[in-house]
Amino acid sequence: MDASVRTRLSRDDRMEQTLEAAHLLFAERGYASVTMDEIAGAVGVTKPLLYNYFGNKEQLYIACMERAGDSLIQTIAGAVSETANPGDALGAGVRAFFSFLDTDRSAWAVLFDETLPHGGEVFDRVASYRGQIVDLVSASLLAQMPMRRREAAEVEVAALSTALLGAAEGLARWWLRTEAISAEEAAELLVSTVEPGLRDRTTPTSNSPQGGPSPK
């Protein structure tokens, strides 16, 4: 890259350029395999400049991950906000999750990178985003229930939301590896498997006079 071109970029523009290059490298090869030297080379700057901007590789990855995580959460939140009952909220959330995966695979790769260290700030931030997704799904499901039933259903809804995210992640990894079906079909497979049970547990029956989950 020509030095005269580099000097014309502001600090903000250079940081944006660095984030874009790092995001692509992390998505393609994973956190563990990418070095700061490679990122500096892709951007056309020195490694000390990268450290000056972001501190270290972990902080640079977190900056990339935050964009991906915020985008996914906004996508799911927008989808579930238009629903009228727990079953519809679940379906909308799952479909939004797989649509996001299909349209922005690099963001998915950064947020759900299997090469991330099992510990440290990056691990904690990824766990935080997963927690935000679980909380979002739980809150959306509970908000569709009558007020008198929410306290009784809270534990079950939290457990279901956690299990649902795990199932969605597992199915998404299978889909990315095989692409044996479309993203839309993968979403419908999960929805059609889980949604009937959710409707059954959140629909009042004559055996649940307080409107709590139906006894099994």
N, C-alpha and C. Protein backbone atom coordinates (compact mmCIF):
# COMPACT_ATOMS: atom_id res chain seq x y z
N MET A 1 0.84 -1.19 0.00
CA MET A 1 0.00 0.00 0.00
C MET A 1 0.88 1.24 0.00
N ASP A 2 0.58 2.25 -0.79
CA ASP A 2 1.36 3.47 -0.91
C ASP A 2 1.33 4.26 0.40
N ALA A 3 2.51 4.72 0.86
CA ALA A 3 2.58 5.41 2.15
C ALA A 3 1.79 6.70 2.15
N SER A 4 1.73 7.37 0.99
CA SER A 4 0.99 8.63 0.93
C SER A 4 -0.50 8.41 1.13
N VAL A 5 -1.00 7.25 0.70
CA VAL A 5 -2.40 6.92 0.90
C VAL A 5 -2.67 6.64 2.38
N ARG A 6 -1.72 5.93 3.01
CA ARG A 6 -1.90 5.59 4.42
C ARG A 6 -1.97 6.85 5.29
N THR A 7 -1.12 7.83 5.01
CA THR A 7 -1.07 9.00 5.87
C THR A 7 -2.31 9.87 5.74
N ARG A 8 -3.08 9.70 4.69
CA ARG A 8 -4.27 10.52 4.51
C ARG A 8 -5.44 10.01 5.34
N LEU A 9 -5.35 8.80 5.85
CA LEU A 9 -6.44 8.24 6.65
C LEU A 9 -6.38 8.77 8.08
N SER A 10 -7.54 9.15 8.60
CA SER A 10 -7.60 9.57 9.99
C SER A 10 -7.48 8.35 10.90
N ARG A 11 -7.29 8.60 12.18
CA ARG A 11 -7.20 7.49 13.14
C ARG A 11 -8.48 6.66 13.10
N ASP A 12 -9.64 7.31 13.07
CA ASP A 12 -10.91 6.57 13.04
C ASP A 12 -11.03 5.74 11.78
N ASP A 13 -10.64 6.30 10.65
CA ASP A 13 -10.70 5.55 9.40
C ASP A 13 -9.74 4.38 9.41
N ARG A 14 -8.55 4.59 9.97
CA ARG A 14 -7.58 3.49 10.05
C ARG A 14 -8.09 2.40 10.97
N MET A 15 -8.70 2.76 12.09
CA MET A 15 -9.25 1.75 12.98
C MET A 15 -10.37 0.98 12.32
N GLU A 16 -11.20 1.66 11.56
CA GLU A 16 -12.28 1.00 10.83
C GLU A 16 -11.72 0.03 9.81
N GLN A 17 -10.70 0.45 9.09
CA GLN A 17 -10.05 -0.41 8.11
C GLN A 17 -9.45 -1.64 8.79
N THR A 18 -8.86 -1.43 9.95
CA THR A 18 -8.27 -2.54 10.70
C THR A 18 -9.33 -3.52 11.17
N LEU A 19 -10.44 -3.01 11.66
CA LEU A 19 -11.53 -3.88 12.11
C LEU A 19 -12.07 -4.73 10.97
N GLU A 20 -12.22 -4.14 9.82
CA GLU A 20 -12.73 -4.88 8.67
C GLU A 20 -11.77 -5.99 8.26
N ALA A 21 -10.47 -5.67 8.20
CA ALA A 21 -9.48 -6.67 7.81
C ALA A 21 -9.38 -7.78 8.86
N ALA A 22 -9.36 -7.39 10.13
CA ALA A 22 -9.26 -8.38 11.21
C ALA A 22 -10.49 -9.27 11.25
N HIS A 23 -11.65 -8.68 11.06
CA HIS A 23 -12.90 -9.45 11.05
C HIS A 23 -12.85 -10.55 10.00
N LEU A 24 -12.41 -10.21 8.81
CA LEU A 24 -12.34 -11.20 7.73
C LEU A 24 -11.34 -12.31 8.05
N LEU A 25 -10.19 -11.94 8.58
CA LEU A 25 -9.19 -12.94 8.93
C LEU A 25 -9.66 -13.85 10.06
N PHE A 26 -10.24 -13.27 11.10
CA PHE A 26 -10.75 -14.07 12.21
C PHE A 26 -11.87 -15.01 11.74
N ALA A 27 -12.74 -14.51 10.89
CA ALA A 27 -13.85 -15.32 10.40
C ALA A 27 -13.35 -16.47 9.53
N GLU A 28 -12.34 -16.21 8.75
CA GLU A 28 -11.83 -17.23 7.82
C GLU A 28 -11.00 -18.30 8.51
N ARG A 29 -10.19 -17.90 9.50
CA ARG A 29 -9.21 -18.84 10.06
C ARG A 29 -9.36 -19.09 11.55
N GLY A 30 -10.15 -18.28 12.23
CA GLY A 30 -10.33 -18.48 13.66
C GLY A 30 -9.34 -17.67 14.48
N TYR A 31 -9.76 -17.34 15.69
CA TYR A 31 -8.95 -16.51 16.58
C TYR A 31 -7.55 -17.09 16.80
N ALA A 32 -7.46 -18.38 17.05
CA ALA A 32 -6.20 -18.99 17.44
C ALA A 32 -5.15 -18.94 16.33
N SER A 33 -5.57 -18.93 15.08
CA SER A 33 -4.63 -19.04 13.97
C SER A 33 -4.17 -17.70 13.41
N VAL A 34 -4.82 -16.63 13.79
CA VAL A 34 -4.50 -15.31 13.23
C VAL A 34 -3.52 -14.58 14.15
N THR A 35 -2.50 -13.96 13.56
CA THR A 35 -1.53 -13.20 14.34
C THR A 35 -1.67 -11.71 14.06
N MET A 36 -1.17 -10.93 14.97
CA MET A 36 -1.18 -9.47 14.79
C MET A 36 -0.30 -9.07 13.61
N ASP A 37 0.77 -9.83 13.37
CA ASP A 37 1.61 -9.55 12.20
C ASP A 37 0.80 -9.67 10.91
N GLU A 38 -0.03 -10.71 10.83
CA GLU A 38 -0.85 -10.91 9.62
C GLU A 38 -1.87 -9.80 9.45
N ILE A 39 -2.47 -9.37 10.55
CA ILE A 39 -3.46 -8.29 10.48
C ILE A 39 -2.78 -7.00 10.04
N ALA A 40 -1.62 -6.72 10.63
CA ALA A 40 -0.88 -5.52 10.24
C ALA A 40 -0.53 -5.55 8.76
N GLY A 41 -0.11 -6.72 8.28
CA GLY A 41 0.22 -6.85 6.87
C GLY A 41 -0.99 -6.64 5.97
N ALA A 42 -2.15 -7.16 6.40
CA ALA A 42 -3.36 -7.01 5.59
C ALA A 42 -3.81 -5.56 5.52
N VAL A 43 -3.57 -4.82 6.60
CA VAL A 43 -3.99 -3.41 6.64
C VAL A 43 -2.95 -2.51 6.00
N GLY A 44 -1.67 -2.95 6.07
CA GLY A 44 -0.59 -2.13 5.55
C GLY A 44 -0.04 -1.15 6.57
N VAL A 45 -0.04 -1.57 7.85
CA VAL A 45 0.51 -0.74 8.92
C VAL A 45 1.50 -1.56 9.74
N THR A 46 2.16 -0.93 10.66
CA THR A 46 3.08 -1.65 11.53
C THR A 46 2.33 -2.29 12.69
N LYS A 47 2.90 -3.36 13.22
CA LYS A 47 2.27 -4.01 14.37
C LYS A 47 2.21 -3.09 15.59
N PRO A 48 3.23 -2.29 15.87
CA PRO A 48 3.10 -1.36 17.01
C PRO A 48 1.91 -0.42 16.88
N LEU A 49 1.54 -0.04 15.64
CA LEU A 49 0.38 0.82 15.48
C LEU A 49 -0.90 0.09 15.87
N LEU A 50 -0.99 -1.20 15.53
CA LEU A 50 -2.15 -1.98 15.94
C LEU A 50 -2.27 -2.02 17.47
N TYR A 51 -1.16 -2.24 18.13
CA TYR A 51 -1.17 -2.28 19.59
C TYR A 51 -1.55 -0.91 20.17
N ASN A 52 -1.13 0.13 19.49
CA ASN A 52 -1.48 1.47 19.94
C ASN A 52 -2.99 1.69 19.84
N TYR A 53 -3.60 1.16 18.78
CA TYR A 53 -5.03 1.34 18.56
C TYR A 53 -5.87 0.45 19.48
N PHE A 54 -5.49 -0.82 19.60
CA PHE A 54 -6.38 -1.80 20.24
C PHE A 54 -5.81 -2.46 21.50
N GLY A 55 -4.54 -2.25 21.79
CA GLY A 55 -3.96 -2.83 22.99
C GLY A 55 -3.33 -4.18 22.77
N ASN A 56 -4.11 -5.14 22.29
CA ASN A 56 -3.59 -6.48 22.01
C ASN A 56 -4.59 -7.22 21.10
N LYS A 57 -4.24 -8.42 20.75
CA LYS A 57 -5.08 -9.22 19.86
C LYS A 57 -6.44 -9.50 20.48
N GLU A 58 -6.45 -9.75 21.78
CA GLU A 58 -7.70 -10.05 22.47
C GLU A 58 -8.68 -8.88 22.36
N GLN A 59 -8.17 -7.66 22.58
CA GLN A 59 -9.04 -6.49 22.51
C GLN A 59 -9.51 -6.22 21.08
N LEU A 60 -8.65 -6.48 20.11
CA LEU A 60 -9.05 -6.33 18.71
C LEU A 60 -10.15 -7.32 18.36
N TYR A 61 -10.00 -8.56 18.84
CA TYR A 61 -11.04 -9.55 18.58
C TYR A 61 -12.36 -9.15 19.24
N ILE A 62 -12.28 -8.65 20.45
CA ILE A 62 -13.49 -8.23 21.15
C ILE A 62 -14.20 -7.13 20.37
N ALA A 63 -13.43 -6.20 19.82
CA ALA A 63 -14.04 -5.12 19.03
C ALA A 63 -14.78 -5.68 17.82
N CYS A 64 -14.19 -6.69 17.17
CA CYS A 64 -14.87 -7.34 16.04
C CYS A 64 -16.11 -8.09 16.51
N MET A 65 -15.97 -8.79 17.63
CA MET A 65 -17.05 -9.61 18.14
C MET A 65 -18.25 -8.78 18.58
N GLU A 66 -17.97 -7.59 19.15
CA GLU A 66 -19.07 -6.75 19.60
C GLU A 66 -19.98 -6.35 18.45
N ARG A 67 -19.40 -6.08 17.31
CA ARG A 67 -20.22 -5.74 16.14
C ARG A 67 -21.11 -6.91 15.75
N ALA A 68 -20.52 -8.10 15.72
CA ALA A 68 -21.29 -9.29 15.35
C ALA A 68 -22.38 -9.57 16.37
N GLY A 69 -22.03 -9.49 17.66
CA GLY A 69 -23.00 -9.78 18.71
C GLY A 69 -24.13 -8.78 18.73
N ASP A 70 -23.81 -7.50 18.61
CA ASP A 70 -24.86 -6.48 18.60
C ASP A 70 -25.80 -6.65 17.42
N SER A 71 -25.23 -7.00 16.27
CA SER A 71 -26.04 -7.18 15.07
C SER A 71 -26.99 -8.36 15.23
N LEU A 72 -26.50 -9.47 15.77
CA LEU A 72 -27.35 -10.64 15.97
C LEU A 72 -28.47 -10.35 16.96
N ILE A 73 -28.15 -9.70 18.06
CA ILE A 73 -29.16 -9.40 19.07
C ILE A 73 -30.23 -8.45 18.50
N GLN A 74 -29.80 -7.46 17.75
CA GLN A 74 -30.76 -6.54 17.13
C GLN A 74 -31.67 -7.27 16.14
N THR A 75 -31.09 -8.20 15.40
CA THR A 75 -31.88 -8.97 14.43
C THR A 75 -32.96 -9.79 15.13
N ILE A 76 -32.58 -10.50 16.19
CA ILE A 76 -33.54 -11.33 16.92
C ILE A 76 -34.58 -10.45 17.62
N ALA A 77 -34.13 -9.37 18.25
CA ALA A 77 -35.06 -8.49 18.96
C ALA A 77 -36.10 -7.91 18.01
N GLY A 78 -35.67 -7.50 16.83
CA GLY A 78 -36.60 -6.96 15.86
C GLY A 78 -37.63 -7.97 15.41
N ALA A 79 -37.20 -9.23 15.30
CA ALA A 79 -38.11 -10.28 14.84
C ALA A 79 -39.16 -10.62 15.89
N VAL A 80 -38.74 -10.76 17.14
CA VAL A 80 -39.69 -11.20 18.18
C VAL A 80 -40.60 -10.07 18.64
N SER A 81 -40.23 -8.82 18.37
CA SER A 81 -41.04 -7.69 18.85
C SER A 81 -42.41 -7.62 18.19
N GLU A 82 -42.57 -8.27 17.05
CA GLU A 82 -43.83 -8.19 16.31
C GLU A 82 -44.75 -9.38 16.58
N THR A 83 -44.38 -10.24 17.53
CA THR A 83 -45.16 -11.46 17.76
C THR A 83 -46.19 -11.27 18.86
N ALA A 84 -47.16 -12.21 18.91
CA ALA A 84 -48.30 -12.05 19.82
C ALA A 84 -48.44 -13.17 20.84
N ASN A 85 -47.64 -14.24 20.73
CA ASN A 85 -47.73 -15.32 21.71
C ASN A 85 -46.38 -16.03 21.78
N PRO A 86 -46.14 -16.83 22.83
CA PRO A 86 -44.83 -17.45 23.01
C PRO A 86 -44.39 -18.32 21.83
N GLY A 87 -45.30 -19.08 21.25
CA GLY A 87 -44.94 -19.92 20.13
C GLY A 87 -44.46 -19.12 18.94
N ASP A 88 -45.16 -18.04 18.64
CA ASP A 88 -44.76 -17.18 17.53
C ASP A 88 -43.42 -16.50 17.82
N ALA A 89 -43.21 -16.09 19.08
CA ALA A 89 -41.95 -15.45 19.45
C ALA A 89 -40.78 -16.41 19.26
N LEU A 90 -40.97 -17.66 19.67
CA LEU A 90 -39.92 -18.66 19.49
C LEU A 90 -39.62 -18.86 18.00
N GLY A 91 -40.67 -19.01 17.20
CA GLY A 91 -40.47 -19.23 15.77
C GLY A 91 -39.77 -18.06 15.11
N ALA A 92 -40.19 -16.85 15.46
CA ALA A 92 -39.58 -15.65 14.86
C ALA A 92 -38.11 -15.54 15.25
N GLY A 93 -37.81 -15.84 16.51
CA GLY A 93 -36.43 -15.75 16.97
C GLY A 93 -35.53 -16.76 16.29
N VAL A 94 -35.99 -18.00 16.16
CA VAL A 94 -35.19 -19.04 15.50
C VAL A 94 -34.98 -18.70 14.02
N ARG A 95 -36.04 -18.25 13.36
CA ARG A 95 -35.90 -17.90 11.94
C ARG A 95 -34.94 -16.73 11.74
N ALA A 96 -35.00 -15.76 12.65
CA ALA A 96 -34.08 -14.62 12.56
C ALA A 96 -32.64 -15.07 12.79
N PHE A 97 -32.44 -16.00 13.71
CA PHE A 97 -31.11 -16.53 14.01
C PHE A 97 -30.50 -17.17 12.76
N PHE A 98 -31.27 -18.01 12.09
CA PHE A 98 -30.75 -18.70 10.91
C PHE A 98 -30.64 -17.78 9.71
N SER A 99 -31.50 -16.79 9.62
CA SER A 99 -31.38 -15.81 8.55
C SER A 99 -30.09 -15.00 8.72
N PHE A 100 -29.79 -14.63 9.95
CA PHE A 100 -28.55 -13.92 10.24
C PHE A 100 -27.35 -14.77 9.84
N LEU A 101 -27.38 -16.03 10.23
CA LEU A 101 -26.30 -16.95 9.88
C LEU A 101 -26.10 -17.04 8.37
N ASP A 102 -27.20 -17.13 7.65
CA ASP A 102 -27.14 -17.32 6.20
C ASP A 102 -26.64 -16.08 5.48
N THR A 103 -26.98 -14.91 5.98
CA THR A 103 -26.64 -13.67 5.29
C THR A 103 -25.32 -13.06 5.74
N ASP A 104 -24.84 -13.43 6.93
CA ASP A 104 -23.59 -12.85 7.44
C ASP A 104 -22.78 -13.93 8.13
N ARG A 105 -22.24 -14.84 7.35
CA ARG A 105 -21.52 -15.98 7.92
C ARG A 105 -20.25 -15.55 8.64
N SER A 106 -19.63 -14.47 8.19
CA SER A 106 -18.40 -14.03 8.86
C SER A 106 -18.71 -13.54 10.27
N ALA A 107 -19.84 -12.87 10.46
CA ALA A 107 -20.22 -12.42 11.80
C ALA A 107 -20.47 -13.62 12.70
N TRP A 108 -21.17 -14.62 12.16
CA TRP A 108 -21.40 -15.86 12.92
C TRP A 108 -20.06 -16.49 13.31
N ALA A 109 -19.13 -16.58 12.35
CA ALA A 109 -17.85 -17.23 12.60
C ALA A 109 -17.07 -16.54 13.71
N VAL A 110 -17.17 -15.22 13.77
CA VAL A 110 -16.46 -14.49 14.81
C VAL A 110 -17.13 -14.69 16.17
N LEU A 111 -18.44 -14.65 16.21
CA LEU A 111 -19.16 -14.74 17.48
C LEU A 111 -19.15 -16.15 18.05
N PHE A 112 -19.15 -17.16 17.20
CA PHE A 112 -19.24 -18.55 17.68
C PHE A 112 -17.98 -19.34 17.28
N ASP A 113 -16.84 -18.70 17.34
CA ASP A 113 -15.55 -19.30 16.99
C ASP A 113 -15.19 -20.42 17.97
N GLU A 114 -14.98 -21.62 17.45
CA GLU A 114 -14.64 -22.76 18.31
C GLU A 114 -13.18 -22.78 18.72
N THR A 115 -12.36 -21.88 18.16
CA THR A 115 -10.93 -21.86 18.54
C THR A 115 -10.65 -20.87 19.67
N LEU A 116 -11.68 -20.23 20.20
CA LEU A 116 -11.46 -19.26 21.27
C LEU A 116 -10.94 -19.95 22.53
N PRO A 117 -10.08 -19.27 23.28
CA PRO A 117 -9.58 -19.86 24.53
C PRO A 117 -10.71 -20.04 25.53
N HIS A 118 -10.60 -21.09 26.34
CA HIS A 118 -11.63 -21.36 27.35
C HIS A 118 -11.26 -20.65 28.65
N GLY A 119 -11.37 -19.35 28.61
CA GLY A 119 -11.03 -18.53 29.75
C GLY A 119 -10.53 -17.18 29.26
N GLY A 120 -10.53 -16.20 30.13
CA GLY A 120 -10.07 -14.88 29.75
C GLY A 120 -11.21 -13.98 29.31
N GLU A 121 -10.84 -12.76 28.93
CA GLU A 121 -11.84 -11.75 28.63
C GLU A 121 -12.66 -12.08 27.39
N VAL A 122 -12.01 -12.63 26.34
CA VAL A 122 -12.75 -12.98 25.13
C VAL A 122 -13.81 -14.01 25.44
N PHE A 123 -13.43 -15.04 26.17
CA PHE A 123 -14.38 -16.09 26.56
C PHE A 123 -15.53 -15.50 27.36
N ASP A 124 -15.21 -14.62 28.29
CA ASP A 124 -16.25 -13.99 29.12
C ASP A 124 -17.19 -13.14 28.28
N ARG A 125 -16.66 -12.42 27.29
CA ARG A 125 -17.51 -11.56 26.48
C ARG A 125 -18.42 -12.38 25.58
N VAL A 126 -17.91 -13.49 25.03
CA VAL A 126 -18.76 -14.38 24.24
C VAL A 126 -19.86 -14.95 25.11
N ALA A 127 -19.51 -15.38 26.32
CA ALA A 127 -20.52 -15.90 27.25
C ALA A 127 -21.55 -14.83 27.57
N SER A 128 -21.11 -13.58 27.66
CA SER A 128 -22.04 -12.49 27.93
C SER A 128 -23.04 -12.32 26.79
N TYR A 129 -22.57 -12.42 25.55
CA TYR A 129 -23.49 -12.30 24.42
C TYR A 129 -24.47 -13.47 24.39
N ARG A 130 -23.99 -14.66 24.68
CA ARG A 130 -24.92 -15.79 24.76
C ARG A 130 -25.96 -15.56 25.85
N GLY A 131 -25.51 -15.02 26.96
CA GLY A 131 -26.44 -14.71 28.03
C GLY A 131 -27.46 -13.66 27.63
N GLN A 132 -27.03 -12.67 26.86
CA GLN A 132 -27.96 -11.65 26.39
C GLN A 132 -29.01 -12.25 25.46
N ILE A 133 -28.59 -13.20 24.62
CA ILE A 133 -29.55 -13.84 23.71
C ILE A 133 -30.56 -14.65 24.51
N VAL A 134 -30.08 -15.41 25.50
CA VAL A 134 -30.99 -16.20 26.35
C VAL A 134 -31.95 -15.28 27.08
N ASP A 135 -31.44 -14.18 27.63
CA ASP A 135 -32.30 -13.24 28.35
C ASP A 135 -33.33 -12.61 27.41
N LEU A 136 -32.91 -12.31 26.19
CA LEU A 136 -33.82 -11.72 25.22
C LEU A 136 -34.95 -12.68 24.87
N VAL A 137 -34.60 -13.94 24.61
CA VAL A 137 -35.61 -14.94 24.28
C VAL A 137 -36.54 -15.16 25.48
N SER A 138 -35.97 -15.27 26.67
CA SER A 138 -36.79 -15.49 27.87
C SER A 138 -37.76 -14.34 28.07
N ALA A 139 -37.25 -13.12 27.98
CA ALA A 139 -38.10 -11.94 28.20
C ALA A 139 -39.20 -11.87 27.15
N SER A 140 -38.87 -12.24 25.92
CA SER A 140 -39.87 -12.20 24.84
C SER A 140 -40.98 -13.22 25.08
N LEU A 141 -40.60 -14.42 25.50
CA LEU A 141 -41.60 -15.45 25.77
C LEU A 141 -42.47 -15.07 26.96
N LEU A 142 -41.84 -14.59 28.03
CA LEU A 142 -42.60 -14.23 29.23
C LEU A 142 -43.54 -13.05 28.96
N ALA A 143 -43.10 -12.13 28.13
CA ALA A 143 -43.92 -10.95 27.84
C ALA A 143 -45.21 -11.30 27.12
N GLN A 144 -45.23 -12.47 26.47
CA GLN A 144 -46.43 -12.89 25.75
C GLN A 144 -47.42 -13.61 26.66
N MET A 145 -47.03 -13.88 27.89
CA MET A 145 -47.91 -14.59 28.83
C MET A 145 -48.69 -13.61 29.68
N PRO A 146 -49.87 -14.02 30.17
CA PRO A 146 -50.60 -13.18 31.13
C PRO A 146 -49.74 -12.90 32.36
N MET A 147 -49.85 -11.74 32.93
CA MET A 147 -49.01 -11.33 34.05
C MET A 147 -49.08 -12.34 35.20
N ARG A 148 -50.25 -12.89 35.47
CA ARG A 148 -50.41 -13.78 36.63
C ARG A 148 -49.64 -15.08 36.46
N ARG A 149 -49.24 -15.41 35.23
CA ARG A 149 -48.57 -16.70 34.98
C ARG A 149 -47.06 -16.57 34.87
N ARG A 150 -46.55 -15.36 34.81
CA ARG A 150 -45.14 -15.19 34.47
C ARG A 150 -44.20 -15.71 35.56
N GLU A 151 -44.52 -15.44 36.81
CA GLU A 151 -43.63 -15.88 37.89
C GLU A 151 -43.50 -17.39 37.92
N ALA A 152 -44.63 -18.09 37.76
CA ALA A 152 -44.61 -19.56 37.80
C ALA A 152 -43.84 -20.14 36.62
N ALA A 153 -43.87 -19.44 35.48
CA ALA A 153 -43.25 -19.97 34.26
C ALA A 153 -41.80 -19.54 34.09
N GLU A 154 -41.32 -18.64 34.93
CA GLU A 154 -40.02 -18.01 34.71
C GLU A 154 -38.87 -19.02 34.64
N VAL A 155 -38.83 -19.96 35.56
CA VAL A 155 -37.73 -20.93 35.59
C VAL A 155 -37.76 -21.81 34.35
N GLU A 156 -38.94 -22.32 33.99
CA GLU A 156 -39.04 -23.17 32.81
C GLU A 156 -38.66 -22.42 31.54
N VAL A 157 -39.08 -21.18 31.44
CA VAL A 157 -38.77 -20.39 30.25
C VAL A 157 -37.27 -20.14 30.14
N ALA A 158 -36.61 -19.85 31.25
CA ALA A 158 -35.16 -19.64 31.23
C ALA A 158 -34.43 -20.91 30.81
N ALA A 159 -34.89 -22.05 31.35
CA ALA A 159 -34.27 -23.33 30.99
C ALA A 159 -34.48 -23.63 29.51
N LEU A 160 -35.69 -23.40 29.01
CA LEU A 160 -35.99 -23.65 27.61
C LEU A 160 -35.17 -22.73 26.71
N SER A 161 -35.03 -21.46 27.07
CA SER A 161 -34.28 -20.52 26.25
C SER A 161 -32.82 -20.92 26.15
N THR A 162 -32.25 -21.39 27.25
CA THR A 162 -30.87 -21.85 27.25
C THR A 162 -30.71 -23.08 26.35
N ALA A 163 -31.64 -24.02 26.50
CA ALA A 163 -31.59 -25.23 25.67
C ALA A 163 -31.79 -24.89 24.20
N LEU A 164 -32.68 -23.94 23.93
CA LEU A 164 -32.96 -23.56 22.55
C LEU A 164 -31.74 -22.96 21.88
N LEU A 165 -31.00 -22.09 22.59
CA LEU A 165 -29.80 -21.51 22.00
C LEU A 165 -28.77 -22.59 21.72
N GLY A 166 -28.61 -23.54 22.65
CA GLY A 166 -27.68 -24.64 22.42
C GLY A 166 -28.06 -25.46 21.21
N ALA A 167 -29.36 -25.75 21.07
CA ALA A 167 -29.84 -26.52 19.92
C ALA A 167 -29.64 -25.74 18.62
N ALA A 168 -29.90 -24.43 18.66
CA ALA A 168 -29.73 -23.61 17.46
C ALA A 168 -28.27 -23.55 17.05
N GLU A 169 -27.37 -23.41 18.02
CA GLU A 169 -25.93 -23.39 17.71
C GLU A 169 -25.49 -24.72 17.10
N GLY A 170 -25.92 -25.82 17.72
CA GLY A 170 -25.53 -27.13 17.21
C GLY A 170 -26.05 -27.38 15.81
N LEU A 171 -27.30 -27.04 15.58
CA LEU A 171 -27.88 -27.22 14.25
C LEU A 171 -27.21 -26.30 13.24
N ALA A 172 -26.87 -25.10 13.66
CA ALA A 172 -26.20 -24.16 12.76
C ALA A 172 -24.83 -24.68 12.34
N ARG A 173 -24.09 -25.24 13.28
CA ARG A 173 -22.77 -25.79 12.93
C ARG A 173 -22.92 -26.96 11.96
N TRP A 174 -23.91 -27.80 12.21
CA TRP A 174 -24.16 -28.91 11.27
C TRP A 174 -24.51 -28.37 9.90
N TRP A 175 -25.37 -27.36 9.86
CA TRP A 175 -25.78 -26.80 8.57
C TRP A 175 -24.60 -26.19 7.82
N LEU A 176 -23.76 -25.45 8.53
CA LEU A 176 -22.58 -24.85 7.88
C LEU A 176 -21.63 -25.91 7.35
N ARG A 177 -21.54 -27.02 8.06
CA ARG A 177 -20.63 -28.09 7.65
C ARG A 177 -21.16 -28.87 6.46
N THR A 178 -22.47 -29.07 6.40
CA THR A 178 -23.04 -29.95 5.37
C THR A 178 -23.84 -29.22 4.30
N GLU A 179 -24.54 -28.17 4.70
CA GLU A 179 -25.49 -27.47 3.82
C GLU A 179 -26.40 -28.46 3.09
N ALA A 180 -26.79 -29.50 3.83
CA ALA A 180 -27.66 -30.53 3.26
C ALA A 180 -29.07 -30.03 3.03
N ILE A 181 -29.46 -29.00 3.77
CA ILE A 181 -30.75 -28.35 3.59
C ILE A 181 -30.51 -26.84 3.60
N SER A 182 -31.52 -26.07 3.29
CA SER A 182 -31.36 -24.62 3.31
C SER A 182 -31.41 -24.10 4.75
N ALA A 183 -30.96 -22.88 4.94
CA ALA A 183 -31.03 -22.27 6.27
C ALA A 183 -32.49 -22.16 6.73
N GLU A 184 -33.38 -21.83 5.79
CA GLU A 184 -34.79 -21.73 6.13
C GLU A 184 -35.34 -23.08 6.58
N GLU A 185 -34.94 -24.16 5.90
CA GLU A 185 -35.40 -25.49 6.28
C GLU A 185 -34.84 -25.90 7.64
N ALA A 186 -33.60 -25.52 7.91
CA ALA A 186 -33.02 -25.83 9.22
C ALA A 186 -33.79 -25.12 10.33
N ALA A 187 -34.13 -23.86 10.09
CA ALA A 187 -34.90 -23.11 11.09
C ALA A 187 -36.26 -23.77 11.32
N GLU A 188 -36.93 -24.15 10.24
CA GLU A 188 -38.26 -24.76 10.38
C GLU A 188 -38.17 -26.11 11.07
N LEU A 189 -37.09 -26.84 10.85
CA LEU A 189 -36.91 -28.12 11.53
C LEU A 189 -36.86 -27.93 13.03
N LEU A 190 -36.11 -26.94 13.48
CA LEU A 190 -36.02 -26.68 14.91
C LEU A 190 -37.34 -26.14 15.46
N VAL A 191 -37.95 -25.21 14.74
CA VAL A 191 -39.22 -24.63 15.20
C VAL A 191 -40.29 -25.70 15.33
N SER A 192 -40.42 -26.54 14.30
CA SER A 192 -41.48 -27.56 14.31
C SER A 192 -41.26 -28.61 15.38
N THR A 193 -40.00 -28.77 15.82
CA THR A 193 -39.70 -29.73 16.87
C THR A 193 -39.99 -29.17 18.25
N VAL A 194 -39.68 -27.89 18.47
CA VAL A 194 -39.76 -27.30 19.80
C VAL A 194 -41.08 -26.57 20.06
N GLU A 195 -41.57 -25.87 19.04
CA GLU A 195 -42.73 -25.00 19.23
C GLU A 195 -43.99 -25.69 19.75
N PRO A 196 -44.35 -26.88 19.28
CA PRO A 196 -45.55 -27.52 19.83
C PRO A 196 -45.46 -27.76 21.34
N GLY A 197 -44.29 -28.15 21.81
CA GLY A 197 -44.11 -28.37 23.24
C GLY A 197 -44.23 -27.09 24.02
N LEU A 198 -43.70 -26.00 23.46
CA LEU A 198 -43.83 -24.71 24.13
C LEU A 198 -45.28 -24.28 24.22
N ARG A 199 -46.01 -24.42 23.14
CA ARG A 199 -47.43 -24.05 23.17
C ARG A 199 -48.19 -24.89 24.20
N ASP A 200 -47.85 -26.17 24.28
CA ASP A 200 -48.52 -27.06 25.22
C ASP A 200 -48.27 -26.60 26.66
N ARG A 201 -47.04 -26.16 26.95
CA ARG A 201 -46.70 -25.80 28.32
C ARG A 201 -47.14 -24.40 28.68
N THR A 202 -47.42 -23.56 27.69
CA THR A 202 -47.81 -22.17 28.00
C THR A 202 -49.28 -21.90 27.75
N THR A 203 -50.04 -22.92 27.40
CA THR A 203 -51.47 -22.75 27.19
C THR A 203 -52.22 -23.25 28.41
N PRO A 204 -53.02 -22.43 29.07
CA PRO A 204 -53.76 -22.86 30.26
C PRO A 204 -54.70 -24.02 29.93
N THR A 205 -54.84 -24.92 30.89
CA THR A 205 -55.79 -26.02 30.75
C THR A 205 -56.67 -26.07 31.98
N SER A 206 -57.66 -26.93 31.93
CA SER A 206 -58.56 -27.08 33.08
C SER A 206 -57.83 -27.64 34.29
N ASN A 207 -56.66 -28.28 34.07
CA ASN A 207 -55.87 -28.84 35.16
C ASN A 207 -54.92 -27.84 35.78
N SER A 208 -54.85 -26.64 35.20
CA SER A 208 -53.95 -25.62 35.75
C SER A 208 -54.74 -24.33 35.99
N PRO A 209 -55.58 -24.30 37.02
CA PRO A 209 -56.46 -23.17 37.26
C PRO A 209 -55.75 -21.86 37.48
N GLN A 210 -54.49 -21.89 37.94
CA GLN A 210 -53.77 -20.65 38.14
C GLN A 210 -53.09 -20.18 36.88
N GLY A 211 -53.26 -20.94 35.78
CA GLY A 211 -52.66 -20.53 34.52
C GLY A 211 -51.18 -20.87 34.43
N GLY A 212 -50.69 -21.77 35.28
CA GLY A 212 -49.28 -22.14 35.23
C GLY A 212 -49.07 -23.21 34.19
N PRO A 213 -47.85 -23.70 34.06
CA PRO A 213 -47.56 -24.75 33.09
C PRO A 213 -48.39 -25.98 33.38
N SER A 214 -48.86 -26.62 32.33
CA SER A 214 -49.69 -27.81 32.49
C SER A 214 -48.89 -28.92 33.12
N PRO A 215 -49.43 -29.64 34.08
CA PRO A 215 -48.69 -30.75 34.70
C PRO A 215 -48.45 -31.86 33.70
N LYS A 216 -47.31 -32.51 33.84
CA LYS A 216 -46.94 -33.59 32.93
C LYS A 216 -46.87 -34.89 33.69
